[in-house]
């Protein structure tokens, strides 16, 4: 519960420091958007 409260916030997610980013669909979608730009 605290993980979501401090890392995976809706307004400013801290994806770069997240230990779960390799498994996170949101982080993967961010990387795909960066590749398209």
PDB file of N, CA and C in Angstrom:
ATOM      1  N   UNK A   1       0.820  -1.186   0.000  1.00  0.00           N
ATOM      2  CA  UNK A   1       0.000   0.000   0.000  1.00  0.00           C
ATOM      3  C   UNK A   1       0.867   1.254   0.000  1.00  0.00           C
ATOM      4  N   UNK A   2       1.939   1.256   0.776  1.00  0.00           N
ATOM      5  CA  UNK A   2       2.793   2.442   0.819  1.00  0.00           C
ATOM      6  C   UNK A   2       3.556   2.636  -0.483  1.00  0.00           C
ATOM      7  N   UNK A   3       3.822   1.548  -1.181  1.00  0.00           N
ATOM      8  CA  UNK A   3       4.528   1.652  -2.454  1.00  0.00           C
ATOM      9  C   UNK A   3       3.754   2.541  -3.418  1.00  0.00           C
ATOM     10  N   UNK A   4       2.484   2.266  -3.566  1.00  0.00           N
ATOM     11  CA  UNK A   4       1.649   3.067  -4.454  1.00  0.00           C
ATOM     12  C   UNK A   4       1.520   4.503  -3.996  1.00  0.00           C
ATOM     13  N   UNK A   5       1.531   4.703  -2.715  1.00  0.00           N
ATOM     14  CA  UNK A   5       1.370   6.053  -2.172  1.00  0.00           C
ATOM     15  C   UNK A   5       2.587   6.924  -2.471  1.00  0.00           C
ATOM     16  N   UNK A   6       3.770   6.349  -2.449  1.00  0.00           N
ATOM     17  CA  UNK A   6       4.980   7.161  -2.583  1.00  0.00           C
ATOM     18  C   UNK A   6       5.637   7.102  -3.958  1.00  0.00           C
ATOM     19  N   UNK A   7       5.445   6.052  -4.686  1.00  0.00           N
ATOM     20  CA  UNK A   7       6.105   5.931  -5.990  1.00  0.00           C
ATOM     21  C   UNK A   7       5.143   6.081  -7.157  1.00  0.00           C
ATOM     22  N   UNK A   8       4.050   5.397  -7.080  1.00  0.00           N
ATOM     23  CA  UNK A   8       3.137   5.306  -8.212  1.00  0.00           C
ATOM     24  C   UNK A   8       1.990   6.309  -8.063  1.00  0.00           C
ATOM     25  N   UNK A   9       2.328   7.551  -7.879  1.00  0.00           N
ATOM     26  CA  UNK A   9       1.304   8.580  -7.710  1.00  0.00           C
ATOM     27  C   UNK A   9       0.729   8.959  -9.072  1.00  0.00           C
ATOM     28  N   UNK A  10      -0.494   9.410  -9.087  1.00  0.00           N
ATOM     29  CA  UNK A  10      -1.142   9.678 -10.374  1.00  0.00           C
ATOM     30  C   UNK A  10      -0.650  10.957 -11.047  1.00  0.00           C
ATOM     31  N   UNK A  11      -0.267  11.945 -10.267  1.00  0.00           N
ATOM     32  CA  UNK A  11       0.140  13.214 -10.881  1.00  0.00           C
ATOM     33  C   UNK A  11       1.605  13.231 -11.300  1.00  0.00           C
ATOM     34  N   UNK A  12       2.472  12.689 -10.481  1.00  0.00           N
ATOM     35  CA  UNK A  12       3.910  12.658 -10.794  1.00  0.00           C
ATOM     36  C   UNK A  12       4.494  11.306 -10.396  1.00  0.00           C
ATOM     37  N   UNK A  13       4.305  10.278 -11.200  1.00  0.00           N
ATOM     38  CA  UNK A  13       4.874   8.981 -10.843  1.00  0.00           C
ATOM     39  C   UNK A  13       6.398   9.031 -10.911  1.00  0.00           C
ATOM     40  N   UNK A  14       7.039   8.345 -10.000  1.00  0.00           N
ATOM     41  CA  UNK A  14       8.505   8.328  -9.935  1.00  0.00           C
ATOM     42  C   UNK A  14       9.022   7.055 -10.592  1.00  0.00           C
ATOM     43  N   UNK A  15       8.740   6.931 -11.852  1.00  0.00           N
ATOM     44  CA  UNK A  15       9.054   5.705 -12.589  1.00  0.00           C
ATOM     45  C   UNK A  15      10.555   5.419 -12.645  1.00  0.00           C
ATOM     46  N   UNK A  16      11.350   6.437 -12.766  1.00  0.00           N
ATOM     47  CA  UNK A  16      12.792   6.219 -12.930  1.00  0.00           C
ATOM     48  C   UNK A  16      13.431   5.585 -11.698  1.00  0.00           C
ATOM     49  N   UNK A  17      12.887   5.820 -10.516  1.00  0.00           N
ATOM     50  CA  UNK A  17      13.458   5.254  -9.295  1.00  0.00           C
ATOM     51  C   UNK A  17      12.704   4.024  -8.817  1.00  0.00           C
ATOM     52  N   UNK A  18      11.699   3.610  -9.548  1.00  0.00           N
ATOM     53  CA  UNK A  18      10.842   2.499  -9.141  1.00  0.00           C
ATOM     54  C   UNK A  18      11.537   1.159  -9.374  1.00  0.00           C
ATOM     55  N   UNK A  19      11.457   0.279  -8.383  1.00  0.00           N
ATOM     56  CA  UNK A  19      12.056  -1.051  -8.513  1.00  0.00           C
ATOM     57  C   UNK A  19      11.181  -1.992  -9.331  1.00  0.00           C
ATOM     58  N   UNK A  20       9.940  -1.623  -9.567  1.00  0.00           N
ATOM     59  CA  UNK A  20       9.001  -2.476 -10.296  1.00  0.00           C
ATOM     60  C   UNK A  20       8.813  -2.028 -11.744  1.00  0.00           C
ATOM     61  N   UNK A  21       9.605  -1.076 -12.216  1.00  0.00           N
ATOM     62  CA  UNK A  21       9.377  -0.500 -13.544  1.00  0.00           C
ATOM     63  C   UNK A  21       9.506  -1.519 -14.674  1.00  0.00           C
ATOM     64  N   UNK A  22      10.283  -2.564 -14.485  1.00  0.00           N
ATOM     65  CA  UNK A  22      10.419  -3.577 -15.531  1.00  0.00           C
ATOM     66  C   UNK A  22       9.134  -4.375 -15.725  1.00  0.00           C
ATOM     67  N   UNK A  23       8.267  -4.369 -14.723  1.00  0.00           N
ATOM     68  CA  UNK A  23       7.022  -5.126 -14.772  1.00  0.00           C
ATOM     69  C   UNK A  23       5.801  -4.236 -14.972  1.00  0.00           C
ATOM     70  N   UNK A  24       6.013  -2.942 -15.061  1.00  0.00           N
ATOM     71  CA  UNK A  24       4.919  -1.981 -15.054  1.00  0.00           C
ATOM     72  C   UNK A  24       4.462  -1.623 -16.472  1.00  0.00           C
ATOM     73  N   UNK A  25       3.188  -1.846 -16.795  1.00  0.00           N
ATOM     74  CA  UNK A  25       2.696  -1.491 -18.129  1.00  0.00           C
ATOM     75  C   UNK A  25       2.720   0.013 -18.386  1.00  0.00           C
ATOM     76  N   UNK A  26       2.520   0.822 -17.353  1.00  0.00           N
ATOM     77  CA  UNK A  26       2.546   2.276 -17.528  1.00  0.00           C
ATOM     78  C   UNK A  26       3.948   2.739 -17.911  1.00  0.00           C
ATOM     79  N   UNK A  27       4.969   2.234 -17.242  1.00  0.00           N
ATOM     80  CA  UNK A  27       6.346   2.607 -17.555  1.00  0.00           C
ATOM     81  C   UNK A  27       6.711   2.176 -18.973  1.00  0.00           C
ATOM     82  N   UNK A  28       6.266   1.004 -19.374  1.00  0.00           N
ATOM     83  CA  UNK A  28       6.542   0.530 -20.729  1.00  0.00           C
ATOM     84  C   UNK A  28       5.865   1.411 -21.767  1.00  0.00           C
ATOM     85  N   UNK A  29       4.662   1.882 -21.460  1.00  0.00           N
ATOM     86  CA  UNK A  29       3.974   2.765 -22.404  1.00  0.00           C
ATOM     87  C   UNK A  29       4.681   4.114 -22.506  1.00  0.00           C
ATOM     88  N   UNK A  30       5.273   4.577 -21.406  1.00  0.00           N
ATOM     89  CA  UNK A  30       6.037   5.827 -21.457  1.00  0.00           C
ATOM     90  C   UNK A  30       7.250   5.674 -22.366  1.00  0.00           C
ATOM     91  N   UNK A  31       7.928   4.554 -22.264  1.00  0.00           N
ATOM     92  CA  UNK A  31       9.096   4.310 -23.110  1.00  0.00           C
ATOM     93  C   UNK A  31       8.711   4.225 -24.578  1.00  0.00           C
ATOM     94  N   UNK A  32       7.567   3.630 -24.883  1.00  0.00           N
ATOM     95  CA  UNK A  32       7.111   3.553 -26.269  1.00  0.00           C
ATOM     96  C   UNK A  32       6.797   4.938 -26.814  1.00  0.00           C
ATOM     97  N   UNK A  33       6.213   5.795 -26.003  1.00  0.00           N
ATOM     98  CA  UNK A  33       5.916   7.161 -26.438  1.00  0.00           C
ATOM     99  C   UNK A  33       7.196   7.928 -26.723  1.00  0.00           C
ATOM    100  N   UNK A  34       8.220   7.731 -25.874  1.00  0.00           N
ATOM    101  CA  UNK A  34       9.491   8.422 -26.083  1.00  0.00           C
ATOM    102  C   UNK A  34      10.135   7.984 -27.390  1.00  0.00           C
ATOM    103  N   UNK A  35      10.006   6.709 -27.733  1.00  0.00           N
ATOM    104  CA  UNK A  35      10.596   6.205 -28.971  1.00  0.00           C
ATOM    105  C   UNK A  35       9.889   6.779 -30.192  1.00  0.00           C
ATOM    106  N   UNK A  36       8.591   7.018 -30.080  1.00  0.00           N
ATOM    107  CA  UNK A  36       7.839   7.555 -31.211  1.00  0.00           C
ATOM    108  C   UNK A  36       8.115   9.031 -31.436  1.00  0.00           C
ATOM    109  N   UNK A  37       8.469   9.748 -30.390  1.00  0.00           N
ATOM    110  CA  UNK A  37       8.725  11.198 -30.524  1.00  0.00           C
ATOM    111  C   UNK A  37      10.047  11.482 -31.111  1.00  0.00           C
TER     112      UNK A  37
END
